[in-house]
Amino acid sequence: MILIVFDVDGTLVDSQHLIVAAQAEAFAAVGLPAPTRERSLSVVGLSLPQAFTALVGADGPVVALSEAYKQAFGRLRARAEIRESLFPGAADLLARLNREPAVQLGIATGKSRRGVDHLVAVHGWEGWFSTVQTADDAPSKPHPAMLEQAMAETGADPARTVMIGDSTYDMVMARGAHVTALGVAWGYHAPEALRAAGAHAVMESFSQLEAALYARIAAV
C-alpha cells in the first residue's frame, strides 16, 4: 500500500485569484496597503496566522487580518466570476488513483477543515481521501506534523508515502517527515526554489506526475 498526499492550493486547485482578492480585502479592512501579488502568493500553504505574520510581522494585526480574510474569502467564493478551479488534469488523476486498490489518498493543506469540506463536496470527492490534514488539525507547514498524523491514521510508513505540493513549505515538511517530496511546476513557488527546499523531483505536468506515481505503485 502507498499513501499519496496532495497539497491543495497551487497543486490541485488554482485559487490564486481568490486568495489575492481576499488578501486585498483583508488588508483594506485593517487600513493597510495590500501586498504585491507575488508576495501574496509566496505565503500560500501556510496557515493564516503564519501567513499574515510573514506578511506584516508578529507585531502586526495578524488576528484581525486572519478574521477579515476568512470573511472576504467566503464572500468572494460565492461570486461566479471568482472560482477555485481545478488545474487541468487534476480531476482525472485523482479519479484514477482513487480506483487503485494499492493506493490511499490524503490531503495536507493550509486550508481550514471547512474549506476542504467545501472542495470535497463541490468536486464529488466524498470518501476518496483516507486522511485529511488541515490548518485546524496540526501546526502549520513546514512542520512535519501533518504528514506524521496522516501516516499514523493510515498505517503508512515513510518509505511508502509521497507528498505532492507546489511550495517550499511542502518540500520541507516532506523532508522533515522523511517521505518522498514531489514538487509541481504549475503552482506558486518556482521550480528552482522547490529543488533548493529538498524536492526529490519537480513535475512539469500532470501526465509526468501520473507516470512517476504509477512507477511507485508498480513497485509496491
Protein backbone atom coordinates (compact mmCIF):
# COMPACT_ATOMS: atom_id res chain seq x y z
CA MET A 1 0.00 0.00 0.00
CA ILE A 2 1.21 3.52 -0.83
CA LEU A 3 -0.03 6.78 0.69
CA ILE A 4 -0.17 9.69 -1.77
CA VAL A 5 -0.76 13.04 -0.08
CA PHE A 6 -1.71 16.16 -2.04
CA ASP A 7 -1.46 19.79 -1.15
CA VAL A 8 -4.49 21.76 -2.36
CA ASP A 9 -3.89 25.41 -3.32
CA GLY A 10 -1.43 25.66 -6.20
CA THR A 11 -1.28 21.87 -6.62
CA LEU A 12 -4.83 20.64 -7.27
CA VAL A 13 -6.67 23.96 -7.24
CA ASP A 14 -5.78 27.22 -8.98
CA SER A 15 -7.05 29.54 -6.28
CA GLN A 16 -4.64 32.42 -6.83
CA HIS A 17 -7.22 35.00 -7.93
CA LEU A 18 -9.43 34.24 -4.95
CA ILE A 19 -6.53 34.30 -2.49
CA VAL A 20 -5.11 37.60 -3.79
CA ALA A 21 -8.55 39.25 -3.82
CA ALA A 22 -9.36 38.06 -0.30
CA GLN A 23 -6.00 39.28 0.98
CA ALA A 24 -6.58 42.68 -0.62
CA GLU A 25 -9.95 43.00 1.13
CA ALA A 26 -8.44 41.89 4.44
CA PHE A 27 -5.67 44.48 4.27
CA ALA A 28 -8.17 47.17 3.31
CA ALA A 29 -10.30 46.20 6.33
CA VAL A 30 -7.42 46.95 8.70
CA GLY A 31 -6.31 50.05 6.84
CA LEU A 32 -3.09 48.69 5.38
CA PRO A 33 -1.91 48.56 1.75
CA ALA A 34 -2.19 45.13 0.20
CA PRO A 35 1.00 43.21 -0.61
CA THR A 36 2.02 42.64 -4.20
CA ARG A 37 0.56 39.64 -5.99
CA GLU A 38 3.92 37.88 -5.83
CA ARG A 39 4.17 38.48 -2.09
CA SER A 40 0.59 37.35 -1.54
CA LEU A 41 1.20 34.05 -3.31
CA SER A 42 4.53 33.48 -1.59
CA VAL A 43 2.76 32.61 1.69
CA VAL A 44 0.18 30.23 0.19
CA GLY A 45 0.48 26.94 2.03
CA LEU A 46 0.98 28.41 5.47
CA SER A 47 -1.91 28.56 7.92
CA LEU A 48 -3.49 32.01 8.16
CA PRO A 49 -1.73 33.22 11.34
CA GLN A 50 1.66 32.20 9.96
CA ALA A 51 0.89 33.66 6.54
CA PHE A 52 -0.09 37.05 7.91
CA THR A 53 2.78 37.01 10.37
CA ALA A 54 5.10 36.57 7.40
CA LEU A 55 3.40 39.49 5.63
CA VAL A 56 3.14 42.04 8.47
CA GLY A 57 5.35 40.73 11.26
CA ALA A 58 4.46 39.29 14.64
CA ASP A 59 3.57 42.74 15.98
CA GLY A 60 1.13 43.44 13.13
CA PRO A 61 -2.67 42.94 13.17
CA VAL A 62 -2.40 39.20 12.47
CA VAL A 63 -5.63 38.17 14.21
CA ALA A 64 -7.67 40.94 12.57
CA LEU A 65 -6.24 40.13 9.15
CA SER A 66 -6.98 36.43 9.58
CA GLU A 67 -10.60 37.08 10.52
CA ALA A 68 -11.10 39.63 7.73
CA TYR A 69 -9.57 37.20 5.24
CA LYS A 70 -11.92 34.38 6.25
CA GLN A 71 -14.93 36.64 5.78
CA ALA A 72 -13.70 38.01 2.46
CA PHE A 73 -12.81 34.56 1.15
CA GLY A 74 -16.29 33.24 1.88
CA ARG A 75 -17.97 36.18 0.17
CA LEU A 76 -15.72 36.08 -2.88
CA ARG A 77 -16.00 32.32 -3.31
CA ALA A 78 -19.75 32.72 -3.73
CA ARG A 79 -19.27 35.10 -6.66
CA ALA A 80 -19.46 33.46 -10.09
CA GLU A 81 -16.53 35.41 -11.53
CA ILE A 82 -14.02 34.16 -8.93
CA ARG A 83 -13.65 30.40 -8.67
CA GLU A 84 -11.31 27.82 -7.21
CA SER A 85 -10.80 25.92 -10.45
CA LEU A 86 -9.02 22.59 -10.61
CA PHE A 87 -5.86 22.57 -12.67
CA PRO A 88 -6.40 20.66 -15.94
CA GLY A 89 -5.63 17.01 -15.30
CA ALA A 90 -6.15 17.10 -11.53
CA ALA A 91 -9.64 15.58 -11.51
CA ASP A 92 -8.72 12.75 -13.89
CA LEU A 93 -5.59 11.79 -11.95
CA LEU A 94 -7.40 11.78 -8.62
CA ALA A 95 -10.20 9.64 -10.06
CA ARG A 96 -7.73 7.08 -11.41
CA LEU A 97 -5.76 6.95 -8.17
CA ASN A 98 -8.97 6.57 -6.18
CA ARG A 99 -9.68 3.37 -8.11
CA GLU A 100 -6.27 1.86 -7.34
CA PRO A 101 -6.52 -0.79 -4.59
CA ALA A 102 -2.87 -0.26 -3.62
CA VAL A 103 -3.33 3.50 -3.05
CA GLN A 104 -4.55 5.53 -0.12
CA LEU A 105 -5.11 9.21 -0.88
CA GLY A 106 -4.53 12.06 1.55
CA ILE A 107 -4.64 15.83 1.80
CA ALA A 108 -2.28 18.11 3.72
CA THR A 109 -3.17 21.77 3.37
CA GLY A 110 -3.04 25.17 5.00
CA LYS A 111 -6.77 25.47 4.31
CA SER A 112 -9.28 25.13 7.10
CA ARG A 113 -11.29 21.94 7.53
CA ARG A 114 -14.33 23.88 6.36
CA GLY A 115 -12.54 24.92 3.18
CA VAL A 116 -11.53 21.35 2.39
CA ASP A 117 -15.03 20.05 3.09
CA HIS A 118 -16.37 22.61 0.61
CA LEU A 119 -13.99 21.45 -2.12
CA VAL A 120 -14.72 17.79 -1.47
CA ALA A 121 -18.46 18.42 -1.76
CA VAL A 122 -18.16 20.58 -4.90
CA HIS A 123 -16.00 18.07 -6.75
CA GLY A 124 -17.68 14.88 -5.55
CA TRP A 125 -14.66 13.55 -3.67
CA GLU A 126 -16.56 12.21 -0.68
CA GLY A 127 -14.86 9.07 0.62
CA TRP A 128 -11.80 9.44 -1.62
CA PHE A 129 -9.30 10.56 1.00
CA SER A 130 -8.23 8.24 3.80
CA THR A 131 -6.73 11.14 5.72
CA VAL A 132 -7.26 14.91 5.59
CA GLN A 133 -4.89 17.19 7.47
CA THR A 134 -5.72 20.90 7.65
CA ALA A 135 -4.66 24.07 9.42
CA ASP A 136 -7.21 23.18 12.10
CA ASP A 137 -5.56 19.85 12.89
CA ALA A 138 -1.81 20.43 13.16
CA PRO A 139 0.96 23.01 13.29
CA SER A 140 1.42 24.97 10.07
CA LYS A 141 3.66 23.72 7.32
CA PRO A 142 6.61 23.29 7.11
CA HIS A 143 6.31 21.43 10.43
CA PRO A 144 6.08 17.70 9.61
CA ALA A 145 3.11 17.03 11.92
CA MET A 146 0.51 16.89 9.12
CA LEU A 147 2.35 14.07 7.39
CA GLU A 148 3.18 12.31 10.62
CA GLN A 149 -0.51 12.36 11.55
CA ALA A 150 -1.51 11.21 8.07
CA MET A 151 0.81 8.22 8.29
CA ALA A 152 -0.39 7.37 11.79
CA GLU A 153 -4.04 7.48 10.66
CA THR A 154 -3.47 5.24 7.63
CA GLY A 155 -0.78 2.91 8.91
CA ALA A 156 1.61 4.07 6.19
CA ASP A 157 5.36 4.26 6.64
CA PRO A 158 7.65 6.99 5.29
CA ALA A 159 9.18 4.73 2.65
CA ARG A 160 5.76 4.29 1.04
CA THR A 161 4.47 7.84 1.42
CA VAL A 162 4.63 10.60 -1.19
CA MET A 163 3.91 14.30 -0.63
CA ILE A 164 2.96 16.36 -3.69
CA GLY A 165 2.96 20.14 -3.46
CA ASP A 166 3.82 23.42 -5.14
CA SER A 167 5.51 25.23 -2.27
CA THR A 168 8.81 25.13 -0.46
CA TYR A 169 6.78 24.57 2.72
CA ASP A 170 5.52 21.27 1.27
CA MET A 171 9.02 20.13 0.39
CA VAL A 172 10.49 20.99 3.80
CA MET A 173 7.53 19.30 5.51
CA ALA A 174 8.02 16.15 3.42
CA ARG A 175 11.74 16.04 4.15
CA GLY A 176 11.06 16.55 7.85
CA ALA A 177 8.69 13.57 7.82
CA HIS A 178 11.22 11.50 5.80
CA VAL A 179 8.83 10.92 2.90
CA THR A 180 9.26 11.42 -0.85
CA ALA A 181 8.86 15.09 -1.81
CA LEU A 182 7.49 15.73 -5.31
CA GLY A 183 7.14 19.34 -6.39
CA VAL A 184 4.88 20.62 -9.17
CA ALA A 185 5.95 23.39 -11.52
CA TRP A 186 2.50 24.90 -12.15
CA GLY A 187 1.96 26.35 -8.66
CA TYR A 188 3.04 29.44 -6.76
CA HIS A 189 6.71 28.71 -5.95
CA ALA A 190 9.39 28.46 -8.64
CA PRO A 191 10.78 25.02 -9.54
CA GLU A 192 14.30 26.06 -8.56
CA ALA A 193 13.01 27.07 -5.11
CA LEU A 194 11.33 23.66 -4.73
CA ARG A 195 14.56 21.87 -5.59
CA ALA A 196 16.51 24.04 -3.16
CA ALA A 197 13.96 23.18 -0.46
CA GLY A 198 14.56 19.46 -0.93
CA ALA A 199 12.24 18.24 -3.70
CA HIS A 200 13.31 14.80 -4.92
CA ALA A 201 11.86 15.78 -8.30
CA VAL A 202 9.73 18.54 -9.81
CA MET A 203 6.92 17.53 -12.16
CA GLU A 204 6.24 19.71 -15.19
CA SER A 205 2.77 18.30 -15.97
CA PHE A 206 0.07 16.06 -14.57
CA SER A 207 1.00 13.41 -17.13
CA GLN A 208 4.57 13.40 -15.81
CA LEU A 209 3.28 13.26 -12.25
CA GLU A 210 1.00 10.34 -13.13
CA ALA A 211 3.88 8.40 -14.68
CA ALA A 212 6.03 8.95 -11.60
CA LEU A 213 3.26 7.86 -9.24
CA TYR A 214 2.35 4.75 -11.21
CA ALA A 215 6.01 3.73 -11.28
CA ARG A 216 5.95 3.80 -7.48
CA ILE A 217 2.61 1.96 -7.34
CA ALA A 218 4.00 -0.79 -9.58
CA ALA A 219 6.93 -1.22 -7.22
CA VAL A 220 4.71 -1.80 -4.18
